[in-house]
């Protein structure tokens, strides 16, 4: 039976699933804190995040008998996370908050930390918010100093106000980009496997044909 029904359902080990699940947990927390609880946006963001997770899992389980279904559901997961990316980008744009470049120091530190839980993500947000507040305080001190003492270069932040919401949205976007990258690679691999190995129906036909040929 292992030739007919390959190993399947190991979605918890997939990097795409692990990152998408973290994004889902972060999105639930983000919407509870920063999005109007009576708005459709909150429901849509949470549902898009959930769809990403659920479709990866369902596709992995369906691979037992249908590579085509697995491929389709993985693409649905990818589309759901792309929709969620747009929601986070809209949140920042509509509030006049910056979308940070991937090489921004805050996101560089975020990638180095590699948070695995909502708590670790929240700790990074708070750490960066305090860092920005401290930098702003030092900037203000330099600005208020006499001209002769104000030659020290000061790096400007792209956010006029590096709020927790700004940082959380940018952190979520960074994770979404990573999840989408993993899903793109996953889709490519699934397409190649389907091309080389075929699907359940083809395997079943080959096994039944072989069995008939071996019968006396």
N, C-alpha and C. Protein backbone atom coordinates (compact mmCIF):
# COMPACT_ATOMS: atom_id res chain seq x y z
N UNK A 1 0.82 -1.22 0.00
CA UNK A 1 0.00 0.00 0.00
C UNK A 1 0.85 1.26 0.00
N UNK A 2 2.12 1.16 0.46
CA UNK A 2 2.96 2.35 0.51
C UNK A 2 3.24 2.90 -0.87
N UNK A 3 3.23 2.01 -1.88
CA UNK A 3 3.44 2.47 -3.25
C UNK A 3 2.21 3.19 -3.78
N UNK A 4 1.03 2.73 -3.34
CA UNK A 4 -0.21 3.34 -3.81
C UNK A 4 -0.53 4.61 -3.04
N UNK A 5 -0.40 4.56 -1.72
CA UNK A 5 -0.69 5.72 -0.87
C UNK A 5 0.59 6.13 -0.17
N UNK A 6 1.26 7.18 -0.65
CA UNK A 6 2.53 7.60 -0.06
C UNK A 6 2.33 8.24 1.31
N UNK A 7 3.43 8.49 1.99
CA UNK A 7 3.35 9.20 3.26
C UNK A 7 2.70 10.56 3.04
N UNK A 8 1.88 10.94 4.00
CA UNK A 8 1.15 12.21 3.84
C UNK A 8 0.79 12.74 5.22
N UNK A 9 0.33 13.99 5.24
CA UNK A 9 -0.16 14.57 6.49
C UNK A 9 0.91 15.11 7.42
N UNK A 10 2.15 15.19 6.96
CA UNK A 10 3.21 15.71 7.83
C UNK A 10 3.35 17.21 7.77
N UNK A 11 2.23 17.89 7.71
CA UNK A 11 2.24 19.35 7.50
C UNK A 11 2.85 20.12 8.66
N UNK A 12 2.80 19.55 9.87
CA UNK A 12 3.35 20.28 11.03
C UNK A 12 4.85 20.48 10.92
N UNK A 13 5.52 19.68 10.10
CA UNK A 13 6.95 19.81 9.91
C UNK A 13 7.31 20.79 8.79
N UNK A 14 6.31 21.22 8.02
CA UNK A 14 6.56 22.14 6.92
C UNK A 14 6.87 23.54 7.45
N UNK A 15 7.91 24.16 6.92
CA UNK A 15 8.24 25.53 7.30
C UNK A 15 7.09 26.47 6.95
N UNK A 16 6.46 26.23 5.82
CA UNK A 16 5.35 27.09 5.40
C UNK A 16 4.23 27.06 6.44
N UNK A 17 3.92 25.88 6.96
CA UNK A 17 2.86 25.75 7.96
C UNK A 17 3.26 26.43 9.27
N UNK A 18 4.48 26.21 9.71
CA UNK A 18 4.94 26.78 10.97
C UNK A 18 4.89 28.31 10.95
N UNK A 19 5.36 28.91 9.85
CA UNK A 19 5.35 30.37 9.76
C UNK A 19 3.92 30.88 9.61
N UNK A 20 3.12 30.21 8.79
CA UNK A 20 1.73 30.63 8.59
C UNK A 20 0.94 30.55 9.89
N UNK A 21 1.21 29.54 10.70
CA UNK A 21 0.51 29.41 11.98
C UNK A 21 0.89 30.55 12.93
N UNK A 22 2.17 30.91 12.92
CA UNK A 22 2.61 32.04 13.74
C UNK A 22 1.95 33.33 13.26
N UNK A 23 1.86 33.51 11.96
CA UNK A 23 1.20 34.69 11.39
C UNK A 23 -0.26 34.73 11.83
N UNK A 24 -0.91 33.58 11.83
CA UNK A 24 -2.32 33.51 12.25
C UNK A 24 -2.47 33.99 13.70
N UNK A 25 -1.62 33.46 14.59
CA UNK A 25 -1.68 33.85 16.00
C UNK A 25 -1.40 35.35 16.18
N UNK A 26 -0.41 35.84 15.45
CA UNK A 26 -0.07 37.27 15.52
C UNK A 26 -1.22 38.13 15.00
N UNK A 27 -1.85 37.68 13.93
CA UNK A 27 -2.95 38.45 13.32
C UNK A 27 -4.14 38.55 14.26
N UNK A 28 -4.46 37.46 14.94
CA UNK A 28 -5.57 37.49 15.91
C UNK A 28 -5.28 38.53 16.99
N UNK A 29 -4.05 38.53 17.50
CA UNK A 29 -3.66 39.49 18.53
C UNK A 29 -3.64 40.91 17.97
N UNK A 30 -3.10 41.06 16.76
CA UNK A 30 -3.01 42.38 16.12
C UNK A 30 -4.41 42.98 15.94
N UNK A 31 -5.33 42.19 15.43
CA UNK A 31 -6.69 42.70 15.16
C UNK A 31 -7.42 43.04 16.45
N UNK A 32 -7.20 42.26 17.50
CA UNK A 32 -7.82 42.56 18.79
C UNK A 32 -7.34 43.90 19.35
N UNK A 33 -6.10 44.27 19.03
CA UNK A 33 -5.51 45.48 19.60
C UNK A 33 -5.68 46.71 18.72
N UNK A 34 -5.60 46.55 17.41
CA UNK A 34 -5.46 47.72 16.54
C UNK A 34 -6.56 47.88 15.48
N UNK A 35 -7.45 46.91 15.35
CA UNK A 35 -8.50 46.98 14.32
C UNK A 35 -9.87 47.02 15.00
N UNK A 36 -10.73 47.88 14.50
CA UNK A 36 -12.08 48.01 15.05
C UNK A 36 -12.76 46.65 15.07
N UNK A 37 -13.21 46.24 16.26
CA UNK A 37 -13.78 44.90 16.40
C UNK A 37 -15.10 44.73 15.65
N UNK A 38 -15.73 45.85 15.28
CA UNK A 38 -16.99 45.76 14.55
C UNK A 38 -16.80 45.87 13.03
N UNK A 39 -15.57 46.02 12.58
CA UNK A 39 -15.33 46.18 11.15
C UNK A 39 -15.18 44.84 10.45
N UNK A 40 -15.50 44.84 9.16
CA UNK A 40 -15.33 43.62 8.36
C UNK A 40 -13.85 43.31 8.18
N UNK A 41 -13.02 44.34 8.25
CA UNK A 41 -11.59 44.13 8.05
C UNK A 41 -11.03 43.15 9.06
N UNK A 42 -11.45 43.27 10.30
CA UNK A 42 -10.95 42.37 11.34
C UNK A 42 -11.28 40.92 10.98
N UNK A 43 -12.54 40.66 10.63
CA UNK A 43 -12.94 39.30 10.28
C UNK A 43 -12.19 38.79 9.05
N UNK A 44 -12.03 39.66 8.07
CA UNK A 44 -11.37 39.26 6.84
C UNK A 44 -9.90 38.94 7.07
N UNK A 45 -9.22 39.73 7.90
CA UNK A 45 -7.81 39.47 8.18
C UNK A 45 -7.63 38.15 8.92
N UNK A 46 -8.46 37.93 9.93
CA UNK A 46 -8.35 36.70 10.70
C UNK A 46 -8.69 35.49 9.83
N UNK A 47 -9.71 35.62 8.99
CA UNK A 47 -10.10 34.50 8.13
C UNK A 47 -9.04 34.21 7.08
N UNK A 48 -8.41 35.26 6.53
CA UNK A 48 -7.35 35.06 5.55
C UNK A 48 -6.16 34.34 6.19
N UNK A 49 -5.81 34.75 7.41
CA UNK A 49 -4.70 34.10 8.12
C UNK A 49 -5.04 32.65 8.42
N UNK A 50 -6.27 32.40 8.85
CA UNK A 50 -6.70 31.03 9.15
C UNK A 50 -6.73 30.19 7.89
N UNK A 51 -7.18 30.76 6.80
CA UNK A 51 -7.24 30.03 5.53
C UNK A 51 -5.86 29.57 5.09
N UNK A 52 -4.86 30.42 5.31
CA UNK A 52 -3.50 30.03 4.95
C UNK A 52 -3.08 28.78 5.69
N UNK A 53 -3.34 28.74 6.99
CA UNK A 53 -2.95 27.59 7.82
C UNK A 53 -3.75 26.34 7.45
N UNK A 54 -5.07 26.49 7.39
CA UNK A 54 -5.94 25.34 7.18
C UNK A 54 -5.74 24.69 5.83
N UNK A 55 -5.51 25.49 4.80
CA UNK A 55 -5.36 24.92 3.46
C UNK A 55 -4.03 24.20 3.28
N UNK A 56 -2.99 24.65 3.98
CA UNK A 56 -1.73 23.91 3.96
C UNK A 56 -1.94 22.54 4.58
N UNK A 57 -2.62 22.51 5.73
CA UNK A 57 -2.87 21.25 6.42
C UNK A 57 -3.77 20.33 5.61
N UNK A 58 -4.85 20.88 5.07
CA UNK A 58 -5.78 20.07 4.29
C UNK A 58 -5.13 19.53 3.02
N UNK A 59 -4.32 20.36 2.38
CA UNK A 59 -3.63 19.92 1.17
C UNK A 59 -2.67 18.79 1.47
N UNK A 60 -1.93 18.89 2.58
CA UNK A 60 -0.99 17.85 2.96
C UNK A 60 -1.71 16.53 3.22
N UNK A 61 -2.86 16.60 3.87
CA UNK A 61 -3.63 15.39 4.16
C UNK A 61 -4.22 14.80 2.89
N UNK A 62 -4.66 15.65 1.98
CA UNK A 62 -5.27 15.20 0.73
C UNK A 62 -4.26 14.56 -0.22
N UNK A 63 -2.98 14.80 0.01
CA UNK A 63 -1.95 14.27 -0.89
C UNK A 63 -1.93 12.75 -0.93
N UNK A 64 -2.58 12.11 0.04
CA UNK A 64 -2.64 10.64 0.06
C UNK A 64 -3.26 10.10 -1.22
N UNK A 65 -4.29 10.75 -1.69
CA UNK A 65 -5.01 10.26 -2.87
C UNK A 65 -5.10 11.26 -4.00
N UNK A 66 -4.60 12.48 -3.80
CA UNK A 66 -4.71 13.46 -4.88
C UNK A 66 -3.64 14.54 -4.78
N UNK A 67 -2.60 14.40 -5.58
CA UNK A 67 -1.57 15.43 -5.67
C UNK A 67 -2.16 16.71 -6.27
N UNK A 68 -3.13 16.53 -7.15
CA UNK A 68 -3.77 17.68 -7.77
C UNK A 68 -4.48 18.53 -6.72
N UNK A 69 -5.18 17.88 -5.79
CA UNK A 69 -5.88 18.60 -4.72
C UNK A 69 -4.88 19.27 -3.80
N UNK A 70 -3.78 18.58 -3.49
CA UNK A 70 -2.75 19.17 -2.63
C UNK A 70 -2.18 20.43 -3.27
N UNK A 71 -1.91 20.35 -4.56
CA UNK A 71 -1.37 21.50 -5.28
C UNK A 71 -2.36 22.66 -5.28
N UNK A 72 -3.62 22.35 -5.52
CA UNK A 72 -4.66 23.39 -5.56
C UNK A 72 -4.81 24.07 -4.20
N UNK A 73 -4.87 23.28 -3.13
CA UNK A 73 -5.07 23.85 -1.80
C UNK A 73 -3.85 24.64 -1.33
N UNK A 74 -2.67 24.20 -1.73
CA UNK A 74 -1.46 24.96 -1.39
C UNK A 74 -1.49 26.31 -2.08
N UNK A 75 -1.97 26.35 -3.30
CA UNK A 75 -2.09 27.63 -4.01
C UNK A 75 -3.17 28.51 -3.37
N UNK A 76 -4.23 27.90 -2.86
CA UNK A 76 -5.26 28.66 -2.14
C UNK A 76 -4.66 29.29 -0.89
N UNK A 77 -3.83 28.52 -0.18
CA UNK A 77 -3.16 29.05 1.01
C UNK A 77 -2.28 30.23 0.64
N UNK A 78 -1.56 30.10 -0.46
CA UNK A 78 -0.68 31.18 -0.93
C UNK A 78 -1.49 32.43 -1.24
N UNK A 79 -2.63 32.26 -1.90
CA UNK A 79 -3.49 33.39 -2.26
C UNK A 79 -4.06 34.07 -1.01
N UNK A 80 -4.41 33.29 -0.01
CA UNK A 80 -4.96 33.84 1.23
C UNK A 80 -3.93 34.70 1.95
N UNK A 81 -2.69 34.24 1.98
CA UNK A 81 -1.64 35.01 2.65
C UNK A 81 -1.29 36.27 1.86
N UNK A 82 -1.41 36.20 0.55
CA UNK A 82 -1.19 37.41 -0.26
C UNK A 82 -2.28 38.44 0.03
N UNK A 83 -3.50 37.99 0.21
CA UNK A 83 -4.60 38.88 0.58
C UNK A 83 -4.32 39.53 1.93
N UNK A 84 -3.80 38.74 2.88
CA UNK A 84 -3.50 39.26 4.21
C UNK A 84 -2.38 40.29 4.14
N UNK A 85 -1.38 40.08 3.27
CA UNK A 85 -0.32 41.06 3.08
C UNK A 85 -0.89 42.41 2.68
N UNK A 86 -1.84 42.39 1.76
CA UNK A 86 -2.46 43.64 1.30
C UNK A 86 -3.20 44.33 2.44
N UNK A 87 -3.83 43.56 3.31
CA UNK A 87 -4.54 44.15 4.45
C UNK A 87 -3.57 44.87 5.39
N UNK A 88 -2.43 44.24 5.66
CA UNK A 88 -1.42 44.89 6.52
C UNK A 88 -0.85 46.14 5.85
N UNK A 89 -0.60 46.06 4.55
CA UNK A 89 -0.08 47.22 3.82
C UNK A 89 -1.10 48.36 3.83
N UNK A 90 -2.38 48.02 3.67
CA UNK A 90 -3.44 49.03 3.72
C UNK A 90 -3.51 49.66 5.10
N UNK A 91 -3.37 48.86 6.14
CA UNK A 91 -3.40 49.37 7.51
C UNK A 91 -2.33 50.45 7.69
N UNK A 92 -1.13 50.17 7.23
CA UNK A 92 -0.03 51.14 7.38
C UNK A 92 -0.28 52.38 6.53
N UNK A 93 -0.67 52.19 5.28
CA UNK A 93 -0.84 53.32 4.37
C UNK A 93 -1.97 54.24 4.84
N UNK A 94 -3.07 53.69 5.26
CA UNK A 94 -4.23 54.49 5.64
C UNK A 94 -4.01 55.27 6.93
N UNK A 95 -3.03 54.87 7.71
CA UNK A 95 -2.74 55.56 8.97
C UNK A 95 -1.46 56.40 8.89
N UNK A 96 -0.90 56.48 7.69
CA UNK A 96 0.30 57.29 7.50
C UNK A 96 1.53 56.70 8.16
N UNK A 97 1.54 55.38 8.34
CA UNK A 97 2.68 54.69 8.91
C UNK A 97 3.51 54.06 7.79
N UNK A 98 4.80 53.97 8.02
CA UNK A 98 5.71 53.52 6.96
C UNK A 98 5.76 52.00 6.84
N UNK A 99 5.89 51.54 5.60
CA UNK A 99 6.24 50.15 5.34
C UNK A 99 7.75 50.07 5.27
N UNK A 100 8.36 49.42 6.23
CA UNK A 100 9.82 49.40 6.33
C UNK A 100 10.45 48.55 5.24
N UNK A 101 11.59 48.99 4.75
CA UNK A 101 12.35 48.22 3.78
C UNK A 101 12.91 46.96 4.45
N UNK A 102 13.10 45.88 3.69
CA UNK A 102 13.60 44.63 4.29
C UNK A 102 14.92 44.78 5.02
N UNK A 103 15.75 45.74 4.58
CA UNK A 103 17.06 45.91 5.22
C UNK A 103 17.05 46.97 6.32
N UNK A 104 15.86 47.42 6.73
CA UNK A 104 15.78 48.38 7.83
C UNK A 104 16.34 47.72 9.09
N UNK A 105 17.08 48.46 9.92
CA UNK A 105 17.70 47.87 11.12
C UNK A 105 16.72 47.12 12.02
N UNK A 106 15.51 47.64 12.16
CA UNK A 106 14.53 46.97 13.02
C UNK A 106 14.18 45.59 12.46
N UNK A 107 13.99 45.50 11.15
CA UNK A 107 13.66 44.21 10.54
C UNK A 107 14.87 43.29 10.48
N UNK A 108 16.04 43.87 10.36
CA UNK A 108 17.26 43.05 10.41
C UNK A 108 17.37 42.38 11.77
N UNK A 109 17.12 43.14 12.83
CA UNK A 109 17.15 42.55 14.17
C UNK A 109 16.02 41.54 14.33
N UNK A 110 14.88 41.80 13.72
CA UNK A 110 13.75 40.88 13.78
C UNK A 110 14.12 39.52 13.18
N UNK A 111 14.78 39.55 12.03
CA UNK A 111 15.19 38.31 11.37
C UNK A 111 16.25 37.58 12.16
N UNK A 112 17.07 38.33 12.86
CA UNK A 112 18.10 37.70 13.70
C UNK A 112 17.47 37.01 14.91
N UNK A 113 16.43 37.64 15.48
CA UNK A 113 15.75 37.06 16.64
C UNK A 113 14.98 35.80 16.28
N UNK A 114 14.39 35.78 15.07
CA UNK A 114 13.59 34.63 14.60
C UNK A 114 12.53 34.22 15.63
N UNK A 115 11.61 35.11 15.97
CA UNK A 115 10.60 34.77 16.97
C UNK A 115 9.75 33.57 16.54
N UNK A 116 9.53 32.66 17.46
CA UNK A 116 8.76 31.45 17.18
C UNK A 116 7.37 31.47 17.83
N UNK A 117 7.13 32.45 18.69
CA UNK A 117 5.86 32.53 19.40
C UNK A 117 5.33 33.97 19.37
N UNK A 118 4.06 34.12 19.70
CA UNK A 118 3.47 35.45 19.80
C UNK A 118 4.16 36.27 20.87
N UNK A 119 4.52 35.61 21.97
CA UNK A 119 5.18 36.30 23.07
C UNK A 119 6.54 36.84 22.64
N UNK A 120 7.29 36.05 21.89
CA UNK A 120 8.60 36.49 21.40
C UNK A 120 8.43 37.63 20.40
N UNK A 121 7.40 37.55 19.58
CA UNK A 121 7.10 38.62 18.63
C UNK A 121 6.77 39.90 19.37
N UNK A 122 5.93 39.81 20.39
CA UNK A 122 5.55 40.99 21.18
C UNK A 122 6.75 41.59 21.89
N UNK A 123 7.67 40.73 22.34
CA UNK A 123 8.89 41.22 23.02
C UNK A 123 9.75 42.02 22.04
N UNK A 124 9.83 41.55 20.78
CA UNK A 124 10.59 42.30 19.77
C UNK A 124 9.94 43.66 19.52
N UNK A 125 8.62 43.70 19.40
CA UNK A 125 7.91 44.96 19.18
C UNK A 125 8.22 45.95 20.29
N UNK A 126 8.14 45.50 21.53
CA UNK A 126 8.39 46.38 22.67
C UNK A 126 9.84 46.84 22.70
N UNK A 127 10.76 45.95 22.39
CA UNK A 127 12.18 46.30 22.38
C UNK A 127 12.47 47.38 21.34
N UNK A 128 11.90 47.22 20.16
CA UNK A 128 12.13 48.20 19.09
C UNK A 128 11.44 49.54 19.39
N UNK A 129 10.27 49.46 20.01
CA UNK A 129 9.57 50.71 20.36
C UNK A 129 10.39 51.50 21.37
N UNK A 130 10.95 50.82 22.36
CA UNK A 130 11.78 51.51 23.35
C UNK A 130 13.06 52.05 22.71
N UNK A 131 13.62 51.27 21.80
CA UNK A 131 14.83 51.71 21.12
C UNK A 131 14.56 52.99 20.33
N UNK A 132 13.44 53.04 19.64
CA UNK A 132 13.07 54.22 18.86
C UNK A 132 12.83 55.42 19.77
N UNK A 133 12.16 55.17 20.90
CA UNK A 133 11.90 56.26 21.86
C UNK A 133 13.21 56.83 22.38
N UNK A 134 14.15 55.95 22.70
CA UNK A 134 15.46 56.41 23.18
C UNK A 134 16.19 57.21 22.11
N UNK A 135 16.13 56.75 20.86
CA UNK A 135 16.79 57.45 19.77
C UNK A 135 16.17 58.82 19.54
N UNK A 136 14.85 58.88 19.64
CA UNK A 136 14.16 60.16 19.47
C UNK A 136 14.55 61.13 20.57
N UNK A 137 14.72 60.61 21.80
CA UNK A 137 15.14 61.46 22.90
C UNK A 137 16.52 62.02 22.69
N UNK A 138 17.43 61.19 22.19
CA UNK A 138 18.78 61.67 21.90
C UNK A 138 18.78 62.66 20.74
N UNK A 139 17.92 62.42 19.75
CA UNK A 139 17.81 63.33 18.62
C UNK A 139 17.33 64.70 19.07
N UNK A 140 16.33 64.70 19.95
CA UNK A 140 15.79 65.96 20.45
C UNK A 140 16.85 66.73 21.24
N UNK A 141 17.66 66.01 22.02
CA UNK A 141 18.72 66.65 22.79
C UNK A 141 19.72 67.33 21.88
N UNK A 142 20.10 66.64 20.80
CA UNK A 142 21.05 67.21 19.84
C UNK A 142 20.44 68.41 19.13
N UNK A 143 19.16 68.29 18.77
CA UNK A 143 18.49 69.38 18.05
C UNK A 143 18.40 70.63 18.91
N UNK A 144 18.15 70.45 20.21
CA UNK A 144 18.00 71.59 21.10
C UNK A 144 19.32 72.19 21.56
N UNK A 145 20.43 71.48 21.27
CA UNK A 145 21.73 71.97 21.73
C UNK A 145 22.17 73.17 20.89
N UNK A 146 23.13 73.97 21.40
CA UNK A 146 23.66 75.09 20.62
C UNK A 146 24.22 74.61 19.29
N UNK A 147 24.17 75.48 18.27
CA UNK A 147 24.57 75.13 16.92
C UNK A 147 25.98 74.56 16.89
N UNK A 148 26.89 75.11 17.71
CA UNK A 148 28.27 74.66 17.69
C UNK A 148 28.42 73.22 18.16
N UNK A 149 27.41 72.71 18.87
CA UNK A 149 27.49 71.34 19.38
C UNK A 149 26.57 70.38 18.63
N UNK A 150 25.97 70.83 17.52
CA UNK A 150 24.96 70.03 16.85
C UNK A 150 25.46 69.43 15.54
N UNK A 151 26.75 69.22 15.42
CA UNK A 151 27.28 68.67 14.19
C UNK A 151 27.17 67.15 14.13
N UNK A 152 26.75 66.51 15.22
CA UNK A 152 26.64 65.06 15.25
C UNK A 152 25.57 64.58 14.27
N UNK A 153 25.90 63.64 13.35
CA UNK A 153 24.90 63.15 12.40
C UNK A 153 23.84 62.31 13.12
N UNK A 154 22.61 62.48 12.74
CA UNK A 154 21.51 61.75 13.35
C UNK A 154 20.76 60.99 12.26
N UNK A 155 20.64 59.66 12.42
CA UNK A 155 19.93 58.85 11.44
C UNK A 155 18.43 59.03 11.63
N UNK A 156 17.75 59.38 10.57
CA UNK A 156 16.31 59.58 10.64
C UNK A 156 15.59 58.25 10.43
N UNK A 157 14.53 58.07 11.16
CA UNK A 157 13.72 56.87 10.99
C UNK A 157 12.65 57.14 9.94
N UNK A 158 12.29 56.13 9.12
CA UNK A 158 11.24 56.32 8.12
C UNK A 158 9.87 56.48 8.74
N UNK A 159 9.69 56.08 9.99
CA UNK A 159 8.41 56.27 10.67
C UNK A 159 8.45 57.55 11.48
N UNK A 160 7.48 58.44 11.26
CA UNK A 160 7.39 59.63 12.09
C UNK A 160 7.11 59.23 13.54
N UNK A 161 6.38 58.14 13.70
CA UNK A 161 6.11 57.62 15.03
C UNK A 161 6.18 56.10 14.97
N UNK A 162 7.25 55.54 15.52
CA UNK A 162 7.43 54.09 15.50
C UNK A 162 6.58 53.46 16.59
N UNK A 163 5.29 53.41 16.34
CA UNK A 163 4.36 52.87 17.32
C UNK A 163 4.40 51.35 17.33
N UNK A 164 3.78 50.78 18.34
CA UNK A 164 3.69 49.33 18.41
C UNK A 164 2.93 48.77 17.21
N UNK A 165 1.89 49.49 16.79
CA UNK A 165 1.10 49.04 15.63
C UNK A 165 1.94 49.03 14.37
N UNK A 166 2.74 50.08 14.19
CA UNK A 166 3.62 50.17 13.02
C UNK A 166 4.61 49.01 13.00
N UNK A 167 5.22 48.74 14.13
CA UNK A 167 6.21 47.67 14.22
C UNK A 167 5.55 46.29 14.05
N UNK A 168 4.41 46.10 14.69
CA UNK A 168 3.73 44.81 14.59
C UNK A 168 3.31 44.51 13.16
N UNK A 169 2.78 45.51 12.46
CA UNK A 169 2.36 45.30 11.08
C UNK A 169 3.55 44.98 10.19
N UNK A 170 4.66 45.67 10.40
CA UNK A 170 5.85 45.41 9.60
C UNK A 170 6.46 44.04 9.92
N UNK A 171 6.43 43.66 11.18
CA UNK A 171 6.91 42.33 11.54
C UNK A 171 6.06 41.24 10.92
N UNK A 172 4.74 41.44 10.93
CA UNK A 172 3.83 40.47 10.32
C UNK A 172 4.09 40.37 8.81
N UNK A 173 4.33 41.50 8.17
CA UNK A 173 4.62 41.51 6.73
C UNK A 173 5.91 40.74 6.43
N UNK A 174 6.91 40.89 7.30
CA UNK A 174 8.15 40.16 7.11
C UNK A 174 7.91 38.65 7.18
N UNK A 175 7.11 38.22 8.15
CA UNK A 175 6.78 36.80 8.26
C UNK A 175 5.94 36.33 7.09
N UNK A 176 5.04 37.16 6.61
CA UNK A 176 4.21 36.79 5.46
C UNK A 176 5.06 36.61 4.21
N UNK A 177 6.03 37.48 4.02
CA UNK A 177 6.93 37.33 2.88
C UNK A 177 7.68 36.00 2.96
N UNK A 178 8.08 35.62 4.17
CA UNK A 178 8.78 34.36 4.36
C UNK A 178 7.86 33.18 4.08
N UNK A 179 6.64 33.23 4.60
CA UNK A 179 5.68 32.14 4.38
C UNK A 179 5.36 31.99 2.89
N UNK A 180 5.19 33.12 2.20
CA UNK A 180 4.90 33.06 0.76
C UNK A 180 6.08 32.50 -0.02
N UNK A 181 7.28 32.81 0.42
CA UNK A 181 8.47 32.25 -0.23
C UNK A 181 8.48 30.73 -0.08
N UNK A 182 8.21 30.24 1.13
CA UNK A 182 8.17 28.80 1.34
C UNK A 182 7.07 28.15 0.51
N UNK A 183 5.92 28.79 0.42
CA UNK A 183 4.81 28.23 -0.35
C UNK A 183 5.11 28.22 -1.85
N UNK A 184 5.76 29.24 -2.34
CA UNK A 184 6.14 29.25 -3.76
C UNK A 184 7.06 28.06 -4.07
N UNK A 185 8.02 27.81 -3.20
CA UNK A 185 8.91 26.68 -3.39
C UNK A 185 8.15 25.36 -3.28
N UNK A 186 7.20 25.32 -2.36
CA UNK A 186 6.40 24.12 -2.17
C UNK A 186 5.57 23.81 -3.41
N UNK A 187 4.97 24.84 -3.99
CA UNK A 187 4.16 24.65 -5.20
C UNK A 187 5.04 24.15 -6.35
N UNK A 188 6.22 24.70 -6.48
CA UNK A 188 7.13 24.25 -7.54
C UNK A 188 7.49 22.77 -7.36
N UNK A 189 7.75 22.38 -6.12
CA UNK A 189 8.10 20.98 -5.87
C UNK A 189 6.92 20.05 -6.13
N UNK A 190 5.72 20.47 -5.71
CA UNK A 190 4.53 19.65 -5.94
C UNK A 190 4.24 19.49 -7.42
N UNK A 191 4.41 20.57 -8.18
CA UNK A 191 4.18 20.50 -9.63
C UNK A 191 5.17 19.54 -10.28
N UNK A 192 6.42 19.58 -9.83
CA UNK A 192 7.44 18.69 -10.38
C UNK A 192 7.15 17.23 -10.02
N UNK A 193 6.75 17.00 -8.77
CA UNK A 193 6.40 15.64 -8.34
C UNK A 193 5.23 15.10 -9.15
N UNK A 194 4.23 15.94 -9.38
CA UNK A 194 3.06 15.50 -10.14
C UNK A 194 3.45 15.16 -11.57
N UNK A 195 4.34 15.98 -12.13
CA UNK A 195 4.79 15.75 -13.50
C UNK A 195 5.58 14.44 -13.61
N UNK A 196 6.41 14.16 -12.63
CA UNK A 196 7.28 12.99 -12.69
C UNK A 196 6.61 11.70 -12.22
N UNK A 197 5.73 11.81 -11.22
CA UNK A 197 5.17 10.61 -10.60
C UNK A 197 3.70 10.38 -10.90
N UNK A 198 3.01 11.41 -11.39
CA UNK A 198 1.59 11.27 -11.64
C UNK A 198 0.79 11.33 -10.36
N UNK A 199 -0.51 11.02 -10.49
CA UNK A 199 -1.39 11.08 -9.33
C UNK A 199 -1.85 9.71 -8.89
N UNK A 200 -2.80 9.69 -7.98
CA UNK A 200 -3.31 8.45 -7.40
C UNK A 200 -3.91 7.54 -8.45
N UNK A 201 -4.70 8.10 -9.37
CA UNK A 201 -5.35 7.29 -10.40
C UNK A 201 -4.33 6.59 -11.27
N UNK A 202 -3.27 7.29 -11.63
CA UNK A 202 -2.22 6.69 -12.46
C UNK A 202 -1.51 5.57 -11.71
N UNK A 203 -1.21 5.79 -10.42
CA UNK A 203 -0.55 4.75 -9.63
C UNK A 203 -1.45 3.53 -9.48
N UNK A 204 -2.75 3.77 -9.27
CA UNK A 204 -3.70 2.67 -9.13
C UNK A 204 -3.78 1.86 -10.42
N UNK A 205 -3.81 2.54 -11.56
CA UNK A 205 -3.87 1.86 -12.85
C UNK A 205 -2.63 0.99 -13.07
N UNK A 206 -1.45 1.53 -12.75
CA UNK A 206 -0.21 0.80 -12.94
C UNK A 206 -0.17 -0.45 -12.06
N UNK A 207 -0.65 -0.32 -10.81
CA UNK A 207 -0.62 -1.45 -9.89
C UNK A 207 -1.60 -2.52 -10.34
N UNK A 208 -2.77 -2.14 -10.79
CA UNK A 208 -3.77 -3.12 -11.23
C UNK A 208 -3.32 -3.81 -12.51
N UNK A 209 -2.69 -3.04 -13.39
CA UNK A 209 -2.17 -3.63 -14.63
C UNK A 209 -1.07 -4.64 -14.33
N UNK A 210 -0.18 -4.27 -13.41
CA UNK A 210 0.92 -5.17 -13.04
C UNK A 210 0.37 -6.44 -12.39
N UNK A 211 -0.69 -6.29 -11.57
CA UNK A 211 -1.26 -7.44 -10.90
C UNK A 211 -1.89 -8.40 -11.90
N UNK A 212 -2.58 -7.88 -12.91
CA UNK A 212 -3.20 -8.71 -13.95
C UNK A 212 -2.13 -9.49 -14.71
N UNK A 213 -1.02 -8.81 -15.00
CA UNK A 213 0.03 -9.47 -15.76
C UNK A 213 0.68 -10.61 -14.98
N UNK A 214 0.70 -10.49 -13.67
CA UNK A 214 1.30 -11.53 -12.84
C UNK A 214 0.38 -12.68 -12.52
N UNK A 215 -0.92 -12.51 -12.84
CA UNK A 215 -1.87 -13.60 -12.57
C UNK A 215 -1.65 -14.74 -13.56
N UNK A 216 -1.78 -16.00 -13.08
CA UNK A 216 -1.58 -17.15 -13.97
C UNK A 216 -2.70 -17.25 -15.01
